[in-house]
Amino acid sequence: MDIGITSVDIRAVSMLSWREAEELRAIPIRLHPDDTVSVAVADPTDDSLLPSLKLALGGRDVRLFVTTPSALRAAWASAYPYR
């Protein structure tokens, strides 16, 4: 997913602090009407990632999208300008 051209939902971003996003190497990008959260990640092969994200997001189901590490860092800079 090219999160550089995808609008990031501020409601979704606010569900994770900058520190949590950095630790998980992820950024929530969309909160859906069914209460699931789309999350962009650089490494979807990490077996602990999905359970950790689900816990950090209050038990909500998570839809993973893959992005590049550089796009993830750019999205963090934009979404968390005052980290």
N, C-alpha and C. Protein backbone atom coordinates (compact mmCIF):
# COMPACT_ATOMS: atom_id res chain seq x y z
N MET A 1 0.85 -1.18 0.00
CA MET A 1 0.00 0.00 0.00
C MET A 1 0.90 1.23 0.00
N ASP A 2 0.56 2.16 -0.84
CA ASP A 2 1.31 3.42 -0.87
C ASP A 2 0.61 4.40 0.06
N ILE A 3 1.05 4.43 1.32
CA ILE A 3 0.39 5.30 2.29
C ILE A 3 0.75 6.76 2.09
N GLY A 4 1.66 7.02 1.15
CA GLY A 4 1.97 8.40 0.81
C GLY A 4 0.83 9.07 0.06
N ILE A 5 0.02 8.25 -0.63
CA ILE A 5 -1.10 8.83 -1.38
C ILE A 5 -2.45 8.46 -0.78
N THR A 6 -2.43 7.65 0.26
CA THR A 6 -3.66 7.26 0.94
C THR A 6 -3.90 8.21 2.10
N SER A 7 -5.11 8.72 2.20
CA SER A 7 -5.39 9.60 3.33
C SER A 7 -5.48 8.76 4.59
N VAL A 8 -4.86 9.26 5.65
CA VAL A 8 -4.84 8.56 6.92
C VAL A 8 -5.91 9.17 7.81
N ASP A 9 -6.75 8.31 8.36
CA ASP A 9 -7.86 8.74 9.22
C ASP A 9 -7.30 9.12 10.59
N ILE A 10 -7.44 10.37 10.97
CA ILE A 10 -6.90 10.85 12.23
C ILE A 10 -7.52 10.11 13.43
N ARG A 11 -8.77 9.65 13.29
CA ARG A 11 -9.39 8.86 14.37
C ARG A 11 -8.63 7.55 14.57
N ALA A 12 -8.21 6.95 13.46
CA ALA A 12 -7.45 5.69 13.56
C ALA A 12 -6.07 5.95 14.15
N VAL A 13 -5.39 6.97 13.65
CA VAL A 13 -4.04 7.29 14.13
C VAL A 13 -4.06 7.53 15.64
N SER A 14 -5.07 8.20 16.12
CA SER A 14 -5.12 8.53 17.54
C SER A 14 -5.31 7.31 18.44
N MET A 15 -5.56 6.16 17.86
CA MET A 15 -5.73 4.94 18.64
C MET A 15 -4.40 4.37 19.13
N LEU A 16 -3.29 4.80 18.52
CA LEU A 16 -1.97 4.38 18.96
C LEU A 16 -1.12 5.61 19.22
N SER A 17 -0.40 5.59 20.30
CA SER A 17 0.54 6.69 20.55
C SER A 17 1.72 6.55 19.59
N TRP A 18 2.49 7.61 19.48
CA TRP A 18 3.69 7.56 18.64
C TRP A 18 4.60 6.44 19.11
N ARG A 19 4.78 6.32 20.39
CA ARG A 19 5.67 5.28 20.95
C ARG A 19 5.19 3.88 20.58
N GLU A 20 3.88 3.63 20.72
CA GLU A 20 3.33 2.32 20.36
C GLU A 20 3.50 2.05 18.87
N ALA A 21 3.23 3.07 18.05
CA ALA A 21 3.36 2.91 16.61
C ALA A 21 4.80 2.56 16.23
N GLU A 22 5.73 3.24 16.86
CA GLU A 22 7.14 2.98 16.56
C GLU A 22 7.56 1.59 17.04
N GLU A 23 7.14 1.21 18.23
CA GLU A 23 7.48 -0.11 18.76
C GLU A 23 6.92 -1.23 17.89
N LEU A 24 5.69 -1.03 17.42
CA LEU A 24 5.03 -2.04 16.61
C LEU A 24 5.39 -1.93 15.12
N ARG A 25 6.06 -0.83 14.76
CA ARG A 25 6.41 -0.56 13.36
C ARG A 25 5.15 -0.61 12.48
N ALA A 26 4.17 0.19 12.90
CA ALA A 26 2.86 0.18 12.27
C ALA A 26 2.22 1.56 12.38
N ILE A 27 1.20 1.78 11.56
CA ILE A 27 0.38 2.99 11.71
C ILE A 27 -1.06 2.66 11.33
N PRO A 28 -1.99 2.95 12.23
CA PRO A 28 -3.40 2.76 11.90
C PRO A 28 -3.79 3.79 10.83
N ILE A 29 -4.46 3.34 9.79
CA ILE A 29 -4.81 4.27 8.71
C ILE A 29 -6.30 4.46 8.50
N ARG A 30 -7.12 3.53 9.01
CA ARG A 30 -8.55 3.67 8.80
C ARG A 30 -9.31 2.93 9.88
N LEU A 31 -10.34 3.58 10.43
CA LEU A 31 -11.28 2.96 11.35
C LEU A 31 -12.56 2.72 10.56
N HIS A 32 -12.97 1.49 10.45
CA HIS A 32 -14.13 1.11 9.63
C HIS A 32 -15.41 1.09 10.45
N PRO A 33 -16.57 1.23 9.78
CA PRO A 33 -17.85 1.22 10.49
C PRO A 33 -18.10 -0.04 11.31
N ASP A 34 -17.49 -1.16 10.90
CA ASP A 34 -17.67 -2.40 11.67
C ASP A 34 -16.68 -2.50 12.84
N ASP A 35 -15.98 -1.40 13.13
CA ASP A 35 -15.05 -1.26 14.25
C ASP A 35 -13.71 -1.98 14.04
N THR A 36 -13.45 -2.44 12.81
CA THR A 36 -12.13 -2.98 12.51
C THR A 36 -11.21 -1.81 12.15
N VAL A 37 -9.91 -2.07 12.24
CA VAL A 37 -8.93 -1.03 11.97
C VAL A 37 -7.96 -1.53 10.90
N SER A 38 -7.78 -0.74 9.85
CA SER A 38 -6.75 -1.03 8.85
C SER A 38 -5.45 -0.44 9.35
N VAL A 39 -4.40 -1.25 9.29
CA VAL A 39 -3.10 -0.84 9.81
C VAL A 39 -2.04 -1.14 8.76
N ALA A 40 -1.21 -0.15 8.45
CA ALA A 40 -0.09 -0.35 7.53
C ALA A 40 1.13 -0.75 8.34
N VAL A 41 1.82 -1.79 7.86
CA VAL A 41 3.01 -2.30 8.54
C VAL A 41 4.10 -2.57 7.51
N ALA A 42 5.33 -2.55 7.96
CA ALA A 42 6.45 -2.83 7.07
C ALA A 42 6.81 -4.31 7.06
N ASP A 43 6.53 -5.03 8.15
CA ASP A 43 6.90 -6.44 8.23
C ASP A 43 5.72 -7.28 8.73
N PRO A 44 4.87 -7.75 7.81
CA PRO A 44 3.71 -8.55 8.22
C PRO A 44 4.08 -9.98 8.63
N THR A 45 5.34 -10.37 8.47
CA THR A 45 5.74 -11.74 8.80
C THR A 45 6.05 -11.93 10.29
N ASP A 46 6.07 -10.85 11.05
CA ASP A 46 6.33 -10.91 12.49
C ASP A 46 5.11 -11.56 13.16
N ASP A 47 5.31 -12.76 13.71
CA ASP A 47 4.20 -13.51 14.31
C ASP A 47 3.57 -12.84 15.52
N SER A 48 4.32 -12.00 16.22
CA SER A 48 3.76 -11.34 17.40
C SER A 48 3.03 -10.04 17.06
N LEU A 49 3.14 -9.59 15.82
CA LEU A 49 2.59 -8.29 15.44
C LEU A 49 1.07 -8.22 15.56
N LEU A 50 0.37 -9.14 14.94
CA LEU A 50 -1.09 -9.06 14.93
C LEU A 50 -1.68 -9.13 16.33
N PRO A 51 -1.26 -10.08 17.19
CA PRO A 51 -1.80 -10.07 18.55
C PRO A 51 -1.46 -8.79 19.32
N SER A 52 -0.27 -8.26 19.12
CA SER A 52 0.13 -7.02 19.80
C SER A 52 -0.70 -5.84 19.32
N LEU A 53 -0.93 -5.76 18.02
CA LEU A 53 -1.76 -4.68 17.48
C LEU A 53 -3.18 -4.78 18.01
N LYS A 54 -3.73 -5.97 17.98
CA LYS A 54 -5.10 -6.15 18.46
C LYS A 54 -5.22 -5.71 19.91
N LEU A 55 -4.26 -6.08 20.74
CA LEU A 55 -4.27 -5.68 22.14
C LEU A 55 -4.16 -4.16 22.28
N ALA A 56 -3.22 -3.56 21.54
CA ALA A 56 -3.01 -2.11 21.62
C ALA A 56 -4.22 -1.33 21.11
N LEU A 57 -5.00 -1.94 20.22
CA LEU A 57 -6.16 -1.27 19.64
C LEU A 57 -7.47 -1.67 20.33
N GLY A 58 -7.35 -2.08 21.57
CA GLY A 58 -8.54 -2.35 22.37
C GLY A 58 -9.30 -3.59 21.98
N GLY A 59 -8.62 -4.57 21.41
CA GLY A 59 -9.28 -5.82 21.03
C GLY A 59 -9.96 -5.80 19.68
N ARG A 60 -9.86 -4.70 18.98
CA ARG A 60 -10.50 -4.60 17.66
C ARG A 60 -9.81 -5.53 16.67
N ASP A 61 -10.58 -6.03 15.71
CA ASP A 61 -9.99 -6.80 14.63
C ASP A 61 -9.16 -5.87 13.76
N VAL A 62 -8.09 -6.42 13.21
CA VAL A 62 -7.12 -5.63 12.45
C VAL A 62 -7.00 -6.17 11.03
N ARG A 63 -7.00 -5.26 10.06
CA ARG A 63 -6.72 -5.59 8.67
C ARG A 63 -5.33 -5.05 8.36
N LEU A 64 -4.40 -5.95 8.03
CA LEU A 64 -3.03 -5.53 7.76
C LEU A 64 -2.84 -5.15 6.30
N PHE A 65 -2.08 -4.09 6.08
CA PHE A 65 -1.66 -3.66 4.76
C PHE A 65 -0.15 -3.48 4.81
N VAL A 66 0.52 -3.88 3.76
CA VAL A 66 1.98 -3.81 3.73
C VAL A 66 2.43 -2.53 3.04
N THR A 67 3.42 -1.90 3.63
CA THR A 67 4.02 -0.71 3.05
C THR A 67 5.54 -0.81 3.20
N THR A 68 6.24 0.11 2.62
CA THR A 68 7.70 0.11 2.74
C THR A 68 8.11 0.80 4.03
N PRO A 69 9.28 0.46 4.56
CA PRO A 69 9.76 1.14 5.77
C PRO A 69 9.86 2.65 5.59
N SER A 70 10.30 3.11 4.43
CA SER A 70 10.42 4.56 4.22
C SER A 70 9.05 5.23 4.18
N ALA A 71 8.07 4.59 3.59
CA ALA A 71 6.71 5.15 3.57
C ALA A 71 6.12 5.17 4.98
N LEU A 72 6.44 4.15 5.76
CA LEU A 72 5.97 4.11 7.14
C LEU A 72 6.56 5.25 7.95
N ARG A 73 7.86 5.49 7.81
CA ARG A 73 8.50 6.61 8.52
C ARG A 73 7.91 7.95 8.10
N ALA A 74 7.63 8.11 6.81
CA ALA A 74 7.03 9.36 6.32
C ALA A 74 5.62 9.54 6.89
N ALA A 75 4.87 8.45 6.98
CA ALA A 75 3.52 8.53 7.54
C ALA A 75 3.56 8.88 9.02
N TRP A 76 4.54 8.32 9.75
CA TRP A 76 4.69 8.69 11.16
C TRP A 76 4.99 10.17 11.30
N ALA A 77 5.89 10.68 10.48
CA ALA A 77 6.27 12.10 10.56
C ALA A 77 5.07 12.99 10.31
N SER A 78 4.20 12.58 9.41
CA SER A 78 3.01 13.36 9.10
C SER A 78 1.93 13.21 10.17
N ALA A 79 1.73 12.00 10.64
CA ALA A 79 0.64 11.72 11.60
C ALA A 79 0.98 12.10 13.02
N TYR A 80 2.26 12.06 13.36
CA TYR A 80 2.70 12.35 14.72
C TYR A 80 3.73 13.50 14.68
N PRO A 81 3.32 14.69 14.26
CA PRO A 81 4.30 15.78 14.07
C PRO A 81 4.93 16.27 15.37
N TYR A 82 4.29 16.04 16.50
CA TYR A 82 4.80 16.55 17.78
C TYR A 82 5.28 15.43 18.68
N ARG A 83 5.79 14.38 18.11
CA ARG A 83 6.21 13.22 18.90
C ARG A 83 7.30 13.63 19.77
